[in-house]
Amino acid sequence: MTKLNAEQYSFLEEIYLRHFPIDLPEGALEKYDQIILFKDVLKNVLPNKEILDKLLNIIIYRIENKKRFQKLTLIKLIRHHSNIEILDDATKNKLFKIFKHLVFTASEEVEWKLTSLIKDKELTDDNIKWLVDNYENSKHIVNRLLRYPVSHRLIYNWADFCLKNEKLNDRLSELIGVKLNFDKKFKHKDKVAFVWGIHYSKLDVDTKKDLLLRNTTKDNFIEVVKISERNSFFDIIAFFYQEFNKPK
């Protein structure tokens, strides 16, 4: 093998730069124009907290001072460099600040990248309250509430309000899942949505299995089997199979 095509070389270069990054000049990331100049290098180096801090400070400065910037480019870079094991609260607050300021005005493509900045991150109560107050304005906000990484009382209260007032009926199962996190005795008339709510909940495995078995009906039986397979609850599938293969 003596030659690479363009796709092969591009892939090799990306992996090489990730592990053998080019040394950036001193102070190279202090200004917005420098970030844009070195964007190809920054997107290929391994995630770095120092680089992340510089990116966050620059984009927040431009937001606060109403200066234009390449939203998609910067958000992609921040997303890449925030992919580190531990983020401190100050950094998460900066990520949320960017999300909050851009989510209503950005393009659909940028919105999807924005929402990933706070995905799976625990937020302050004030930030959660902001999400709750603005849930009707963006499906991305709804996603972040329904898919919040841990059970949270403020989100439970919001889900309870939505269920009682028949809000977000297209996300009924996920709302039920949030409700079940704090109230395992909760019931809902929609039996299919209810068992999927069990699936979406953050309850422990044994509790999920118990609720599925106790809430299986002829109308949601197939859905319970689907849920059991998706969650590797093969003992439930075996139980049903044996139960309905008993000699009569």
Protein backbone atom coordinates (compact mmCIF):
# COMPACT_ATOMS: atom_id res chain seq x y z
CA MET A 1 0.00 0.00 0.00
CA THR A 2 1.67 3.18 -1.19
CA LYS A 3 -1.10 5.78 -1.54
CA LEU A 4 -4.16 6.86 0.42
CA ASN A 5 -7.31 8.32 -1.02
CA ALA A 6 -8.66 11.60 0.35
CA GLU A 7 -11.05 9.91 2.81
CA GLN A 8 -8.33 7.63 4.19
CA TYR A 9 -5.86 10.47 4.65
CA SER A 10 -8.44 12.69 6.32
CA PHE A 11 -9.30 9.94 8.77
CA LEU A 12 -5.63 9.23 9.51
CA GLU A 13 -4.93 12.93 10.04
CA GLU A 14 -7.88 13.24 12.46
CA ILE A 15 -6.68 10.31 14.58
CA TYR A 16 -3.04 11.47 14.45
CA LEU A 17 -3.87 14.98 15.63
CA ARG A 18 -6.00 13.57 18.41
CA HIS A 19 -3.01 11.80 19.90
CA PHE A 20 -0.15 13.96 18.61
CA PRO A 21 -1.62 17.46 18.75
CA ILE A 22 0.14 20.41 17.20
CA ASP A 23 1.65 22.74 19.79
CA LEU A 24 -0.36 25.94 19.71
CA PRO A 25 1.50 29.24 20.09
CA GLU A 26 1.46 30.82 23.56
CA GLY A 27 -1.78 32.74 24.09
CA ALA A 28 -3.24 31.29 20.91
CA LEU A 29 -6.72 30.78 22.39
CA GLU A 30 -7.29 34.11 24.07
CA LYS A 31 -9.39 35.69 21.31
CA TYR A 32 -12.32 34.64 19.17
CA ASP A 33 -10.41 35.05 15.88
CA GLN A 34 -7.72 32.71 17.17
CA ILE A 35 -10.33 30.06 18.03
CA ILE A 36 -11.64 30.21 14.48
CA LEU A 37 -8.10 30.07 13.06
CA PHE A 38 -7.23 26.93 15.03
CA LYS A 39 -10.68 25.28 14.96
CA ASP A 40 -9.50 22.24 12.98
CA VAL A 41 -6.74 21.59 15.49
CA LEU A 42 -9.09 22.10 18.46
CA LYS A 43 -11.67 19.66 17.18
CA ASN A 44 -9.11 16.89 16.85
CA VAL A 45 -7.17 17.14 20.10
CA LEU A 46 -8.38 15.14 23.09
CA PRO A 47 -10.97 16.87 25.32
CA ASN A 48 -9.20 19.38 27.52
CA LYS A 49 -10.57 21.33 30.50
CA GLU A 50 -8.26 24.30 29.95
CA ILE A 51 -9.38 24.63 26.34
CA LEU A 52 -13.00 24.22 27.44
CA ASP A 53 -12.70 27.09 29.92
CA LYS A 54 -11.29 29.39 27.23
CA LEU A 55 -14.04 28.45 24.78
CA LEU A 56 -16.76 29.03 27.37
CA ASN A 57 -15.41 32.41 28.40
CA ILE A 58 -15.12 33.58 24.80
CA ILE A 59 -18.63 32.51 23.77
CA ILE A 60 -20.23 33.93 26.93
CA TYR A 61 -18.42 37.24 26.37
CA ARG A 62 -19.78 37.42 22.83
CA ILE A 63 -23.30 36.52 23.98
CA GLU A 64 -23.30 39.13 26.74
CA ASN A 65 -21.92 41.80 24.43
CA LYS A 66 -24.24 40.88 21.56
CA LYS A 67 -21.36 40.08 19.23
CA ARG A 68 -21.87 37.68 16.35
CA PHE A 69 -20.01 34.38 16.25
CA GLN A 70 -20.03 31.06 14.42
CA LYS A 71 -22.54 29.29 16.66
CA LEU A 72 -22.33 25.82 15.18
CA THR A 73 -18.52 25.81 15.13
CA LEU A 74 -18.17 27.02 18.72
CA ILE A 75 -20.91 24.77 20.09
CA LYS A 76 -19.31 21.73 18.43
CA LEU A 77 -15.95 22.61 19.96
CA ILE A 78 -17.46 23.13 23.41
CA ARG A 79 -19.38 19.88 23.12
CA HIS A 80 -16.18 18.03 22.23
CA HIS A 81 -14.08 19.51 25.03
CA SER A 82 -16.82 19.05 27.65
CA ASN A 83 -16.62 15.31 27.08
CA ILE A 84 -14.45 14.81 30.16
CA GLU A 85 -15.09 12.66 33.19
CA ILE A 86 -15.87 15.34 35.76
CA LEU A 87 -17.25 18.83 35.25
CA ASP A 88 -17.40 21.23 38.20
CA ASP A 89 -20.56 23.18 39.02
CA ALA A 90 -19.15 26.45 37.68
CA THR A 91 -18.51 24.85 34.29
CA LYS A 92 -21.98 23.27 34.18
CA ASN A 93 -23.49 26.66 34.98
CA LYS A 94 -21.61 28.19 32.05
CA LEU A 95 -22.84 25.42 29.75
CA PHE A 96 -26.39 26.06 30.92
CA LYS A 97 -26.00 29.80 30.43
CA ILE A 98 -25.06 29.23 26.79
CA PHE A 99 -27.98 26.84 26.33
CA LYS A 100 -30.43 29.30 27.91
CA HIS A 101 -29.33 32.26 25.81
CA LEU A 102 -29.32 30.48 22.46
CA VAL A 103 -32.02 27.79 22.56
CA PHE A 104 -34.85 30.08 21.40
CA THR A 105 -33.02 31.78 18.55
CA ALA A 106 -30.63 29.20 17.12
CA SER A 107 -31.23 27.10 14.02
CA GLU A 108 -32.58 23.57 14.45
CA GLU A 109 -29.12 22.12 13.81
CA VAL A 110 -27.56 24.32 16.48
CA GLU A 111 -30.42 23.57 18.90
CA TRP A 112 -29.65 19.85 18.78
CA LYS A 113 -26.00 20.54 19.52
CA LEU A 114 -26.96 22.97 22.29
CA THR A 115 -29.14 20.47 24.09
CA SER A 116 -26.24 18.01 24.16
CA LEU A 117 -24.24 20.51 26.25
CA ILE A 118 -26.47 19.89 29.27
CA LYS A 119 -27.50 16.32 28.50
CA ASP A 120 -26.93 13.92 31.43
CA LYS A 121 -25.67 16.75 33.64
CA GLU A 122 -27.12 17.54 37.05
CA LEU A 123 -28.17 21.17 37.28
CA THR A 124 -28.86 23.62 40.08
CA ASP A 125 -32.44 24.04 41.32
CA ASP A 126 -32.56 27.51 39.76
CA ASN A 127 -31.62 26.10 36.38
CA ILE A 128 -34.22 23.35 36.65
CA LYS A 129 -36.83 25.95 37.59
CA TRP A 130 -35.91 27.86 34.42
CA LEU A 131 -36.43 24.71 32.34
CA VAL A 132 -39.83 24.14 33.97
CA ASP A 133 -40.90 27.75 33.42
CA ASN A 134 -39.97 27.55 29.73
CA TYR A 135 -40.92 23.99 28.81
CA GLU A 136 -43.73 25.11 26.48
CA ASN A 137 -41.29 27.08 24.33
CA SER A 138 -38.97 24.30 23.19
CA LYS A 139 -39.07 20.55 22.68
CA HIS A 140 -35.39 20.50 23.65
CA ILE A 141 -36.28 21.83 27.10
CA VAL A 142 -38.93 19.12 27.43
CA ASN A 143 -36.33 16.52 26.49
CA ARG A 144 -33.93 17.73 29.14
CA LEU A 145 -36.64 17.58 31.82
CA LEU A 146 -37.98 14.17 30.87
CA ARG A 147 -34.50 12.70 30.45
CA TYR A 148 -32.88 14.32 33.45
CA PRO A 149 -30.20 11.91 34.73
CA VAL A 150 -31.55 11.53 38.31
CA SER A 151 -34.89 11.77 40.07
CA HIS A 152 -35.63 15.33 41.13
CA ARG A 153 -38.57 16.66 43.14
CA LEU A 154 -38.97 19.81 41.01
CA ILE A 155 -39.27 17.70 37.87
CA TYR A 156 -41.69 15.37 39.63
CA ASN A 157 -43.90 18.36 40.54
CA TRP A 158 -43.78 19.54 36.93
CA ALA A 159 -44.69 16.07 35.60
CA ASP A 160 -47.54 15.86 38.11
CA PHE A 161 -48.87 19.21 36.85
CA CYS A 162 -48.64 18.06 33.22
CA LEU A 163 -50.48 14.81 33.94
CA LYS A 164 -53.26 16.49 35.90
CA ASN A 165 -53.74 19.12 33.21
CA GLU A 166 -53.28 16.77 30.25
CA LYS A 167 -50.22 18.59 28.96
CA LEU A 168 -47.68 16.92 26.66
CA ASN A 169 -49.93 13.96 25.88
CA ASP A 170 -47.46 12.91 23.19
CA ARG A 171 -44.91 12.31 25.99
CA LEU A 172 -47.37 10.60 28.34
CA SER A 173 -45.26 7.52 29.09
CA GLU A 174 -42.21 9.59 30.00
CA LEU A 175 -44.29 11.81 32.30
CA ILE A 176 -45.64 8.68 33.98
CA GLY A 177 -42.06 7.45 34.40
CA VAL A 178 -41.10 10.67 36.22
CA LYS A 179 -44.20 10.37 38.42
CA LEU A 180 -43.39 6.76 39.32
CA ASN A 181 -39.92 7.72 40.51
CA PHE A 182 -41.50 9.27 43.59
CA ASP A 183 -44.87 7.50 43.71
CA LYS A 184 -44.78 3.78 42.95
CA LYS A 185 -48.50 3.49 43.76
CA PHE A 186 -49.47 5.89 40.96
CA LYS A 187 -51.93 4.54 38.40
CA HIS A 188 -53.08 5.79 35.00
CA LYS A 189 -56.07 4.86 32.88
CA ASP A 190 -53.90 4.40 29.77
CA LYS A 191 -52.51 0.96 30.50
CA VAL A 192 -50.18 0.87 27.51
CA ALA A 193 -48.65 4.25 28.34
CA PHE A 194 -48.40 3.15 31.97
CA VAL A 195 -46.21 0.10 31.32
CA TRP A 196 -43.96 2.18 29.06
CA GLY A 197 -43.80 4.66 31.94
CA ILE A 198 -42.39 1.86 34.06
CA HIS A 199 -39.75 1.37 31.37
CA TYR A 200 -38.82 5.08 31.35
CA SER A 201 -38.72 5.38 35.14
CA LYS A 202 -35.51 5.30 37.16
CA LEU A 203 -36.83 2.63 39.51
CA ASP A 204 -34.61 -0.32 40.37
CA VAL A 205 -34.88 -3.48 38.29
CA ASP A 206 -36.83 -5.55 40.82
CA THR A 207 -39.42 -2.80 41.28
CA LYS A 208 -39.82 -2.43 37.52
CA LYS A 209 -40.35 -6.17 37.10
CA ASP A 210 -42.89 -6.25 39.92
CA LEU A 211 -44.85 -3.32 38.49
CA LEU A 212 -44.84 -4.80 35.00
CA LEU A 213 -46.18 -8.13 36.20
CA ARG A 214 -48.86 -6.54 38.39
CA ASN A 215 -50.02 -4.23 35.60
CA THR A 216 -50.09 -6.60 32.63
CA THR A 217 -53.48 -6.82 30.94
CA LYS A 218 -54.77 -8.33 27.73
CA ASP A 219 -54.58 -4.84 26.20
CA ASN A 220 -50.91 -4.19 26.97
CA PHE A 221 -49.52 -7.75 27.01
CA ILE A 222 -47.52 -7.38 23.78
CA GLU A 223 -46.06 -4.08 24.99
CA VAL A 224 -44.98 -5.70 28.26
CA VAL A 225 -43.18 -8.42 26.31
CA LYS A 226 -41.46 -5.78 24.16
CA ILE A 227 -40.41 -3.86 27.28
CA SER A 228 -39.16 -7.05 28.92
CA GLU A 229 -37.00 -7.91 25.93
CA ARG A 230 -35.63 -4.34 25.67
CA ASN A 231 -34.65 -4.40 29.36
CA SER A 232 -33.34 -8.00 29.30
CA PHE A 233 -36.10 -9.13 31.68
CA PHE A 234 -35.96 -12.58 30.15
CA ASP A 235 -37.34 -14.17 33.30
CA ILE A 236 -40.63 -12.36 32.69
CA ILE A 237 -40.74 -13.62 29.09
CA ALA A 238 -40.00 -17.15 30.31
CA PHE A 239 -42.67 -16.85 33.00
CA PHE A 240 -45.31 -15.82 30.48
CA TYR A 241 -44.31 -18.53 28.03
CA GLN A 242 -44.45 -21.26 30.67
CA GLU A 243 -47.68 -19.88 32.13
CA PHE A 244 -49.48 -20.00 28.81
CA ASN A 245 -48.06 -23.39 27.84
CA LYS A 246 -49.42 -25.24 30.85
CA PRO A 247 -51.45 -28.33 30.00
CA LYS A 248 -55.17 -27.64 30.14
